[in-house]
Amino acid sequence: MPRLVDVMSALASADSEATIYVSTPIEPYSDVVVCIEPDEGGSPAGLVYLLEVSLARDVLHTWARWRDGRQPSAEEAAKAVIYYAQHDAYEPVRPTA
């Protein structure tokens, strides 16, 4: 089964209508399924809703914009998407020392 970091690496080719579901605990290396949400709702067995693909792309676009265009690694991307899903806010830029 793919992991969240794997999906972040291939997010550009994912269906923008799809939804990302992950295993718990939610972390960058959690198992993941990306699929179209069924009309009756629900999630794949054993997984929980994370974000829609289109919203995850927006999160990563904002992440890069806030960091002068630097593209996130797959792990940074996964962490940014998790942060957004848990806080309903973009991951803040932390000062580097």
PDB file of N, CA and C in Angstrom:
ATOM      1  N   MET A   1       0.859  -1.184   0.000  1.00  0.00           N
ATOM      2  CA  MET A   1       0.000   0.000   0.000  1.00  0.00           C
ATOM      3  C   MET A   1       0.898   1.237   0.000  1.00  0.00           C
ATOM      4  N   PRO A   2       0.570   2.241  -0.806  1.00  0.00           N
ATOM      5  CA  PRO A   2       1.392   3.454  -0.809  1.00  0.00           C
ATOM      6  C   PRO A   2       1.296   4.202   0.523  1.00  0.00           C
ATOM      7  N   ARG A   3       2.271   5.032   0.747  1.00  0.00           N
ATOM      8  CA  ARG A   3       2.303   5.861   1.952  1.00  0.00           C
ATOM      9  C   ARG A   3       2.008   7.307   1.565  1.00  0.00           C
ATOM     10  N   LEU A   4       1.704   8.114   2.540  1.00  0.00           N
ATOM     11  CA  LEU A   4       1.362   9.513   2.266  1.00  0.00           C
ATOM     12  C   LEU A   4       2.488  10.226   1.532  1.00  0.00           C
ATOM     13  N   VAL A   5       3.732   9.992   1.900  1.00  0.00           N
ATOM     14  CA  VAL A   5       4.848  10.649   1.205  1.00  0.00           C
ATOM     15  C   VAL A   5       4.885  10.254  -0.269  1.00  0.00           C
ATOM     16  N   ASP A   6       4.503   9.027  -0.581  1.00  0.00           N
ATOM     17  CA  ASP A   6       4.465   8.580  -1.979  1.00  0.00           C
ATOM     18  C   ASP A   6       3.420   9.366  -2.764  1.00  0.00           C
ATOM     19  N   VAL A   7       2.265   9.575  -2.144  1.00  0.00           N
ATOM     20  CA  VAL A   7       1.191  10.329  -2.798  1.00  0.00           C
ATOM     21  C   VAL A   7       1.610  11.783  -3.002  1.00  0.00           C
ATOM     22  N   MET A   8       2.309  12.352  -2.038  1.00  0.00           N
ATOM     23  CA  MET A   8       2.751  13.747  -2.171  1.00  0.00           C
ATOM     24  C   MET A   8       3.698  13.895  -3.355  1.00  0.00           C
ATOM     25  N   SER A   9       4.527  12.890  -3.598  1.00  0.00           N
ATOM     26  CA  SER A   9       5.455  12.927  -4.729  1.00  0.00           C
ATOM     27  C   SER A   9       4.732  12.870  -6.068  1.00  0.00           C
ATOM     28  N   ALA A  10       3.529  12.284  -6.083  1.00  0.00           N
ATOM     29  CA  ALA A  10       2.784  12.112  -7.335  1.00  0.00           C
ATOM     30  C   ALA A  10       1.479  12.913  -7.344  1.00  0.00           C
ATOM     31  N   LEU A  11       1.358  13.903  -6.462  1.00  0.00           N
ATOM     32  CA  LEU A  11       0.098  14.630  -6.320  1.00  0.00           C
ATOM     33  C   LEU A  11      -0.320  15.335  -7.614  1.00  0.00           C
ATOM     34  N   ALA A  12       0.630  15.803  -8.390  1.00  0.00           N
ATOM     35  CA  ALA A  12       0.307  16.525  -9.625  1.00  0.00           C
ATOM     36  C   ALA A  12      -0.465  15.644 -10.607  1.00  0.00           C
ATOM     37  N   SER A  13      -0.244  14.335 -10.559  1.00  0.00           N
ATOM     38  CA  SER A  13      -0.928  13.451 -11.506  1.00  0.00           C
ATOM     39  C   SER A  13      -2.199  12.824 -10.933  1.00  0.00           C
ATOM     40  N   ALA A  14      -2.498  13.122  -9.671  1.00  0.00           N
ATOM     41  CA  ALA A  14      -3.709  12.557  -9.052  1.00  0.00           C
ATOM     42  C   ALA A  14      -4.964  13.266  -9.566  1.00  0.00           C
ATOM     43  N   ASP A  15      -6.073  12.566  -9.561  1.00  0.00           N
ATOM     44  CA  ASP A  15      -7.366  13.123  -9.975  1.00  0.00           C
ATOM     45  C   ASP A  15      -7.776  14.219  -9.003  1.00  0.00           C
ATOM     46  N   SER A  16      -8.011  15.427  -9.501  1.00  0.00           N
ATOM     47  CA  SER A  16      -8.362  16.543  -8.610  1.00  0.00           C
ATOM     48  C   SER A  16      -9.701  16.358  -7.924  1.00  0.00           C
ATOM     49  N   GLU A  17     -10.516  15.419  -8.385  1.00  0.00           N
ATOM     50  CA  GLU A  17     -11.799  15.135  -7.746  1.00  0.00           C
ATOM     51  C   GLU A  17     -11.665  14.089  -6.631  1.00  0.00           C
ATOM     52  N   ALA A  18     -10.480  13.509  -6.497  1.00  0.00           N
ATOM     53  CA  ALA A  18     -10.265  12.436  -5.534  1.00  0.00           C
ATOM     54  C   ALA A  18     -10.044  12.976  -4.123  1.00  0.00           C
ATOM     55  N   THR A  19     -10.153  12.069  -3.169  1.00  0.00           N
ATOM     56  CA  THR A  19      -9.956  12.375  -1.755  1.00  0.00           C
ATOM     57  C   THR A  19      -8.843  11.489  -1.223  1.00  0.00           C
ATOM     58  N   ILE A  20      -8.073  12.029  -0.280  1.00  0.00           N
ATOM     59  CA  ILE A  20      -6.972  11.286   0.336  1.00  0.00           C
ATOM     60  C   ILE A  20      -7.455  10.738   1.680  1.00  0.00           C
ATOM     61  N   TYR A  21      -7.299   9.431   1.865  1.00  0.00           N
ATOM     62  CA  TYR A  21      -7.636   8.761   3.118  1.00  0.00           C
ATOM     63  C   TYR A  21      -6.361   8.132   3.667  1.00  0.00           C
ATOM     64  N   VAL A  22      -6.168   8.195   4.986  1.00  0.00           N
ATOM     65  CA  VAL A  22      -4.943   7.671   5.596  1.00  0.00           C
ATOM     66  C   VAL A  22      -5.261   6.775   6.794  1.00  0.00           C
ATOM     67  N   SER A  23      -4.261   5.950   7.136  1.00  0.00           N
ATOM     68  CA  SER A  23      -4.368   5.147   8.355  1.00  0.00           C
ATOM     69  C   SER A  23      -3.958   6.019   9.543  1.00  0.00           C
ATOM     70  N   THR A  24      -4.355   5.590  10.725  1.00  0.00           N
ATOM     71  CA  THR A  24      -3.968   6.313  11.930  1.00  0.00           C
ATOM     72  C   THR A  24      -2.918   5.488  12.666  1.00  0.00           C
ATOM     73  N   PRO A  25      -2.033   6.149  13.392  1.00  0.00           N
ATOM     74  CA  PRO A  25      -1.930   7.589  13.563  1.00  0.00           C
ATOM     75  C   PRO A  25      -1.483   8.248  12.254  1.00  0.00           C
ATOM     76  N   ILE A  26      -1.960   9.461  12.051  1.00  0.00           N
ATOM     77  CA  ILE A  26      -1.667  10.177  10.804  1.00  0.00           C
ATOM     78  C   ILE A  26      -0.267  10.766  10.885  1.00  0.00           C
ATOM     79  N   GLU A  27       0.580  10.299   9.976  1.00  0.00           N
ATOM     80  CA  GLU A  27       1.963  10.775   9.890  1.00  0.00           C
ATOM     81  C   GLU A  27       2.432  10.615   8.441  1.00  0.00           C
ATOM     82  N   PRO A  28       3.573  11.195   8.084  1.00  0.00           N
ATOM     83  CA  PRO A  28       4.010  11.143   6.682  1.00  0.00           C
ATOM     84  C   PRO A  28       4.118   9.741   6.091  1.00  0.00           C
ATOM     85  N   TYR A  29       4.371   8.735   6.921  1.00  0.00           N
ATOM     86  CA  TYR A  29       4.544   7.388   6.396  1.00  0.00           C
ATOM     87  C   TYR A  29       3.325   6.496   6.642  1.00  0.00           C
ATOM     88  N   SER A  30       2.174   7.120   6.912  1.00  0.00           N
ATOM     89  CA  SER A  30       0.925   6.373   7.063  1.00  0.00           C
ATOM     90  C   SER A  30       0.510   5.784   5.713  1.00  0.00           C
ATOM     91  N   ASP A  31      -0.178   4.637   5.771  1.00  0.00           N
ATOM     92  CA  ASP A  31      -0.745   4.052   4.553  1.00  0.00           C
ATOM     93  C   ASP A  31      -1.814   4.994   4.023  1.00  0.00           C
ATOM     94  N   VAL A  32      -1.990   5.000   2.712  1.00  0.00           N
ATOM     95  CA  VAL A  32      -2.912   5.948   2.094  1.00  0.00           C
ATOM     96  C   VAL A  32      -3.640   5.318   0.915  1.00  0.00           C
ATOM     97  N   VAL A  33      -4.860   5.790   0.699  1.00  0.00           N
ATOM     98  CA  VAL A  33      -5.640   5.466  -0.495  1.00  0.00           C
ATOM     99  C   VAL A  33      -6.167   6.781  -1.035  1.00  0.00           C
ATOM    100  N   VAL A  34      -6.050   6.972  -2.340  1.00  0.00           N
ATOM    101  CA  VAL A  34      -6.602   8.152  -3.006  1.00  0.00           C
ATOM    102  C   VAL A  34      -7.690   7.638  -3.941  1.00  0.00           C
ATOM    103  N   CYS A  35      -8.919   8.093  -3.701  1.00  0.00           N
ATOM    104  CA  CYS A  35     -10.030   7.612  -4.521  1.00  0.00           C
ATOM    105  C   CYS A  35     -11.156   8.646  -4.540  1.00  0.00           C
ATOM    106  N   ILE A  36     -12.071   8.465  -5.464  1.00  0.00           N
ATOM    107  CA  ILE A  36     -13.254   9.317  -5.534  1.00  0.00           C
ATOM    108  C   ILE A  36     -14.164   8.914  -4.382  1.00  0.00           C
ATOM    109  N   GLU A  37     -14.613   9.900  -3.610  1.00  0.00           N
ATOM    110  CA  GLU A  37     -15.496   9.618  -2.480  1.00  0.00           C
ATOM    111  C   GLU A  37     -16.829   9.096  -3.009  1.00  0.00           C
ATOM    112  N   PRO A  38     -17.312   7.991  -2.448  1.00  0.00           N
ATOM    113  CA  PRO A  38     -18.591   7.462  -2.916  1.00  0.00           C
ATOM    114  C   PRO A  38     -19.743   8.425  -2.609  1.00  0.00           C
ATOM    115  N   ASP A  39     -20.798   8.371  -3.415  1.00  0.00           N
ATOM    116  CA  ASP A  39     -21.954   9.254  -3.223  1.00  0.00           C
ATOM    117  C   ASP A  39     -22.540   9.140  -1.826  1.00  0.00           C
ATOM    118  N   GLU A  40     -22.495   7.947  -1.258  1.00  0.00           N
ATOM    119  CA  GLU A  40     -23.070   7.755   0.071  1.00  0.00           C
ATOM    120  C   GLU A  40     -22.094   8.112   1.190  1.00  0.00           C
ATOM    121  N   GLY A  41     -20.927   8.640   0.839  1.00  0.00           N
ATOM    122  CA  GLY A  41     -19.941   9.031   1.844  1.00  0.00           C
ATOM    123  C   GLY A  41     -19.188   7.825   2.363  1.00  0.00           C
ATOM    124  N   GLY A  42     -18.512   8.013   3.468  1.00  0.00           N
ATOM    125  CA  GLY A  42     -17.735   6.935   4.046  1.00  0.00           C
ATOM    126  C   GLY A  42     -16.315   6.943   3.537  1.00  0.00           C
ATOM    127  N   SER A  43     -15.510   6.080   4.114  1.00  0.00           N
ATOM    128  CA  SER A  43     -14.119   5.994   3.712  1.00  0.00           C
ATOM    129  C   SER A  43     -13.731   4.531   3.548  1.00  0.00           C
ATOM    130  N   PRO A  44     -12.622   4.281   2.843  1.00  0.00           N
ATOM    131  CA  PRO A  44     -12.163   2.903   2.709  1.00  0.00           C
ATOM    132  C   PRO A  44     -11.931   2.287   4.097  1.00  0.00           C
ATOM    133  N   ALA A  45     -12.159   1.015   4.224  1.00  0.00           N
ATOM    134  CA  ALA A  45     -12.060   0.320   5.516  1.00  0.00           C
ATOM    135  C   ALA A  45     -10.729   0.583   6.207  1.00  0.00           C
ATOM    136  N   GLY A  46     -10.819   0.976   7.451  1.00  0.00           N
ATOM    137  CA  GLY A  46      -9.632   1.184   8.270  1.00  0.00           C
ATOM    138  C   GLY A  46      -8.915   2.499   8.064  1.00  0.00           C
ATOM    139  N   LEU A  47      -9.433   3.349   7.172  1.00  0.00           N
ATOM    140  CA  LEU A  47      -8.774   4.625   6.888  1.00  0.00           C
ATOM    141  C   LEU A  47      -9.684   5.787   7.263  1.00  0.00           C
ATOM    142  N   VAL A  48      -9.075   6.949   7.480  1.00  0.00           N
ATOM    143  CA  VAL A  48      -9.831   8.159   7.814  1.00  0.00           C
ATOM    144  C   VAL A  48      -9.574   9.231   6.748  1.00  0.00           C
ATOM    145  N   TYR A  49     -10.543  10.120   6.612  1.00  0.00           N
ATOM    146  CA  TYR A  49     -10.443  11.245   5.673  1.00  0.00           C
ATOM    147  C   TYR A  49      -9.269  12.131   6.055  1.00  0.00           C
ATOM    148  N   LEU A  50      -8.506  12.586   5.061  1.00  0.00           N
ATOM    149  CA  LEU A  50      -7.452  13.580   5.292  1.00  0.00           C
ATOM    150  C   LEU A  50      -7.818  14.876   4.588  1.00  0.00           C
ATOM    151  N   LEU A  51      -7.777  14.907   3.260  1.00  0.00           N
ATOM    152  CA  LEU A  51      -8.115  16.104   2.470  1.00  0.00           C
ATOM    153  C   LEU A  51      -8.457  15.686   1.054  1.00  0.00           C
ATOM    154  N   GLU A  52      -9.111  16.572   0.330  1.00  0.00           N
ATOM    155  CA  GLU A  52      -9.303  16.380  -1.096  1.00  0.00           C
ATOM    156  C   GLU A  52      -7.978  16.690  -1.803  1.00  0.00           C
ATOM    157  N   VAL A  53      -7.723  16.044  -2.911  1.00  0.00           N
ATOM    158  CA  VAL A  53      -6.501  16.267  -3.690  1.00  0.00           C
ATOM    159  C   VAL A  53      -6.372  17.740  -4.071  1.00  0.00           C
ATOM    160  N   SER A  54      -7.458  18.366  -4.518  1.00  0.00           N
ATOM    161  CA  SER A  54      -7.383  19.772  -4.938  1.00  0.00           C
ATOM    162  C   SER A  54      -6.978  20.678  -3.780  1.00  0.00           C
ATOM    163  N   LEU A  55      -7.458  20.401  -2.589  1.00  0.00           N
ATOM    164  CA  LEU A  55      -7.086  21.202  -1.421  1.00  0.00           C
ATOM    165  C   LEU A  55      -5.638  20.929  -1.017  1.00  0.00           C
ATOM    166  N   ALA A  56      -5.202  19.687  -1.111  1.00  0.00           N
ATOM    167  CA  ALA A  56      -3.803  19.364  -0.809  1.00  0.00           C
ATOM    168  C   ALA A  56      -2.868  20.105  -1.762  1.00  0.00           C
ATOM    169  N   ARG A  57      -3.244  20.195  -3.033  1.00  0.00           N
ATOM    170  CA  ARG A  57      -2.432  20.959  -3.998  1.00  0.00           C
ATOM    171  C   ARG A  57      -2.358  22.426  -3.600  1.00  0.00           C
ATOM    172  N   ASP A  58      -3.474  22.987  -3.151  1.00  0.00           N
ATOM    173  CA  ASP A  58      -3.494  24.379  -2.696  1.00  0.00           C
ATOM    174  C   ASP A  58      -2.577  24.563  -1.489  1.00  0.00           C
ATOM    175  N   VAL A  59      -2.615  23.612  -0.569  1.00  0.00           N
ATOM    176  CA  VAL A  59      -1.748  23.675   0.611  1.00  0.00           C
ATOM    177  C   VAL A  59      -0.283  23.726   0.173  1.00  0.00           C
ATOM    178  N   LEU A  60       0.103  22.889  -0.770  1.00  0.00           N
ATOM    179  CA  LEU A  60       1.499  22.849  -1.205  1.00  0.00           C
ATOM    180  C   LEU A  60       1.883  24.081  -2.014  1.00  0.00           C
ATOM    181  N   HIS A  61       0.943  24.602  -2.769  1.00  0.00           N
ATOM    182  CA  HIS A  61       1.194  25.848  -3.505  1.00  0.00           C
ATOM    183  C   HIS A  61       1.463  26.984  -2.518  1.00  0.00           C
ATOM    184  N   THR A  62       0.655  27.076  -1.490  1.00  0.00           N
ATOM    185  CA  THR A  62       0.833  28.114  -0.473  1.00  0.00           C
ATOM    186  C   THR A  62       2.132  27.898   0.293  1.00  0.00           C
ATOM    187  N   TRP A  63       2.429  26.656   0.623  1.00  0.00           N
ATOM    188  CA  TRP A  63       3.675  26.338   1.328  1.00  0.00           C
ATOM    189  C   TRP A  63       4.864  26.892   0.537  1.00  0.00           C
ATOM    190  N   ALA A  64       4.895  26.615  -0.765  1.00  0.00           N
ATOM    191  CA  ALA A  64       6.000  27.071  -1.608  1.00  0.00           C
ATOM    192  C   ALA A  64       6.021  28.599  -1.722  1.00  0.00           C
ATOM    193  N   ARG A  65       4.863  29.194  -1.892  1.00  0.00           N
ATOM    194  CA  ARG A  65       4.787  30.655  -2.021  1.00  0.00           C
ATOM    195  C   ARG A  65       5.320  31.331  -0.764  1.00  0.00           C
ATOM    196  N   TRP A  66       4.992  30.800   0.387  1.00  0.00           N
ATOM    197  CA  TRP A  66       5.449  31.376   1.656  1.00  0.00           C
ATOM    198  C   TRP A  66       6.937  31.140   1.908  1.00  0.00           C
ATOM    199  N   ARG A  67       7.555  30.306   1.093  1.00  0.00           N
ATOM    200  CA  ARG A  67       8.973  29.990   1.245  1.00  0.00           C
ATOM    201  C   ARG A  67       9.751  30.356  -0.016  1.00  0.00           C
ATOM    202  N   ASP A  68       9.370  31.478  -0.612  1.00  0.00           N
ATOM    203  CA  ASP A  68      10.053  32.039  -1.783  1.00  0.00           C
ATOM    204  C   ASP A  68      10.169  31.066  -2.954  1.00  0.00           C
ATOM    205  N   GLY A  69       9.148  30.237  -3.134  1.00  0.00           N
ATOM    206  CA  GLY A  69       9.104  29.350  -4.288  1.00  0.00           C
ATOM    207  C   GLY A  69       9.788  28.009  -4.099  1.00  0.00           C
ATOM    208  N   ARG A  70      10.406  27.783  -2.963  1.00  0.00           N
ATOM    209  CA  ARG A  70      11.054  26.486  -2.725  1.00  0.00           C
ATOM    210  C   ARG A  70       9.992  25.398  -2.675  1.00  0.00           C
ATOM    211  N   GLN A  71      10.223  24.314  -3.404  1.00  0.00           N
ATOM    212  CA  GLN A  71       9.282  23.199  -3.419  1.00  0.00           C
ATOM    213  C   GLN A  71       9.577  22.272  -2.240  1.00  0.00           C
ATOM    214  N   PRO A  72       8.548  21.781  -1.564  1.00  0.00           N
ATOM    215  CA  PRO A  72       8.777  20.918  -0.410  1.00  0.00           C
ATOM    216  C   PRO A  72       9.238  19.522  -0.827  1.00  0.00           C
ATOM    217  N   SER A  73      10.005  18.892   0.048  1.00  0.00           N
ATOM    218  CA  SER A  73      10.314  17.472  -0.149  1.00  0.00           C
ATOM    219  C   SER A  73       9.002  16.709   0.066  1.00  0.00           C
ATOM    220  N   ALA A  74       9.003  15.443  -0.253  1.00  0.00           N
ATOM    221  CA  ALA A  74       7.784  14.638  -0.055  1.00  0.00           C
ATOM    222  C   ALA A  74       7.395  14.614   1.422  1.00  0.00           C
ATOM    223  N   GLU A  75       8.367  14.536   2.314  1.00  0.00           N
ATOM    224  CA  GLU A  75       8.067  14.512   3.747  1.00  0.00           C
ATOM    225  C   GLU A  75       7.550  15.875   4.219  1.00  0.00           C
ATOM    226  N   GLU A  76       8.155  16.966   3.744  1.00  0.00           N
ATOM    227  CA  GLU A  76       7.662  18.302   4.097  1.00  0.00           C
ATOM    228  C   GLU A  76       6.246  18.507   3.581  1.00  0.00           C
ATOM    229  N   ALA A  77       5.991  18.011   2.372  1.00  0.00           N
ATOM    230  CA  ALA A  77       4.655  18.134   1.792  1.00  0.00           C
ATOM    231  C   ALA A  77       3.633  17.365   2.626  1.00  0.00           C
ATOM    232  N   ALA A  78       3.984  16.157   3.017  1.00  0.00           N
ATOM    233  CA  ALA A  78       3.075  15.359   3.842  1.00  0.00           C
ATOM    234  C   ALA A  78       2.796  16.065   5.166  1.00  0.00           C
ATOM    235  N   LYS A  79       3.833  16.600   5.792  1.00  0.00           N
ATOM    236  CA  LYS A  79       3.652  17.306   7.066  1.00  0.00           C
ATOM    237  C   LYS A  79       2.785  18.541   6.898  1.00  0.00           C
ATOM    238  N   ALA A  80       2.947  19.261   5.791  1.00  0.00           N
ATOM    239  CA  ALA A  80       2.145  20.471   5.545  1.00  0.00           C
ATOM    240  C   ALA A  80       0.673  20.109   5.350  1.00  0.00           C
ATOM    241  N   VAL A  81       0.407  19.041   4.628  1.00  0.00           N
ATOM    242  CA  VAL A  81      -0.976  18.598   4.394  1.00  0.00           C
ATOM    243  C   VAL A  81      -1.600  18.103   5.705  1.00  0.00           C
ATOM    244  N   ILE A  82      -0.843  17.367   6.494  1.00  0.00           N
ATOM    245  CA  ILE A  82      -1.337  16.913   7.795  1.00  0.00           C
ATOM    246  C   ILE A  82      -1.633  18.114   8.694  1.00  0.00           C
ATOM    247  N   TYR A  83      -0.722  19.081   8.714  1.00  0.00           N
ATOM    248  CA  TYR A  83      -0.920  20.272   9.538  1.00  0.00           C
ATOM    249  C   TYR A  83      -2.224  20.972   9.154  1.00  0.00           C
ATOM    250  N   TYR A  84      -2.423  21.151   7.845  1.00  0.00           N
ATOM    251  CA  TYR A  84      -3.639  21.817   7.379  1.00  0.00           C
ATOM    252  C   TYR A  84      -4.886  21.026   7.780  1.00  0.00           C
ATOM    253  N   ALA A  85      -4.833  19.720   7.612  1.00  0.00           N
ATOM    254  CA  ALA A  85      -5.987  18.878   7.940  1.00  0.00           C
ATOM    255  C   ALA A  85      -6.320  18.938   9.430  1.00  0.00           C
ATOM    256  N   GLN A  86      -5.309  19.062  10.275  1.00  0.00           N
ATOM    257  CA  GLN A  86      -5.542  19.059  11.716  1.00  0.00           C
ATOM    258  C   GLN A  86      -5.856  20.442  12.293  1.00  0.00           C
ATOM    259  N   HIS A  87      -5.400  21.508  11.621  1.00  0.00           N
ATOM    260  CA  HIS A  87      -5.548  22.860  12.174  1.00  0.00           C
ATOM    261  C   HIS A  87      -6.426  23.786  11.340  1.00  0.00           C
ATOM    262  N   ASP A  88      -6.829  23.329  10.144  1.00  0.00           N
ATOM    263  CA  ASP A  88      -7.583  24.165   9.210  1.00  0.00           C
ATOM    264  C   ASP A  88      -6.850  25.484   8.969  1.00  0.00           C
ATOM    265  N   ALA A  89      -5.515  25.375   8.847  1.00  0.00           N
ATOM    266  CA  ALA A  89      -4.665  26.540   8.623  1.00  0.00           C
ATOM    267  C   ALA A  89      -3.384  26.045   7.956  1.00  0.00           C
ATOM    268  N   TYR A  90      -2.765  26.935   7.201  1.00  0.00           N
ATOM    269  CA  TYR A  90      -1.497  26.584   6.553  1.00  0.00           C
ATOM    270  C   TYR A  90      -0.383  26.513   7.587  1.00  0.00           C
ATOM    271  N   GLU A  91       0.563  25.620   7.332  1.00  0.00           N
ATOM    272  CA  GLU A  91       1.706  25.468   8.236  1.00  0.00           C
ATOM    273  C   GLU A  91       2.541  26.756   8.208  1.00  0.00           C
ATOM    274  N   PRO A  92       2.771  27.370   9.369  1.00  0.00           N
ATOM    275  CA  PRO A  92       3.536  28.615   9.385  1.00  0.00           C
ATOM    276  C   PRO A  92       5.006  28.378   9.027  1.00  0.00           C
ATOM    277  N   VAL A  93       5.630  29.421   8.555  1.00  0.00           N
ATOM    278  CA  VAL A  93       7.060  29.376   8.268  1.00  0.00           C
ATOM    279  C   VAL A  93       7.790  29.543   9.593  1.00  0.00           C
ATOM    280  N   ARG A  94       8.677  28.615   9.870  1.00  0.00           N
ATOM    281  CA  ARG A  94       9.446  28.709  11.115  1.00  0.00           C
ATOM    282  C   ARG A  94      10.803  29.324  10.794  1.00  0.00           C
ATOM    283  N   PRO A  95      11.215  30.277  11.617  1.00  0.00           N
ATOM    284  CA  PRO A  95      12.524  30.896  11.345  1.00  0.00           C
ATOM    285  C   PRO A  95      13.657  29.857  11.466  1.00  0.00           C
ATOM    286  N   THR A  96      14.642  30.008  10.609  1.00  0.00           N
ATOM    287  CA  THR A  96      15.795  29.118  10.682  1.00  0.00           C
ATOM    288  C   THR A  96      16.883  29.782  11.509  1.00  0.00           C
ATOM    289  N   ALA A  97      17.586  28.990  12.269  1.00  0.00           N
ATOM    290  CA  ALA A  97      18.626  29.561  13.148  1.00  0.00           C
ATOM    291  C   ALA A  97      19.980  29.368  12.547  1.00  0.00           C
TER     292      ALA A  97
END
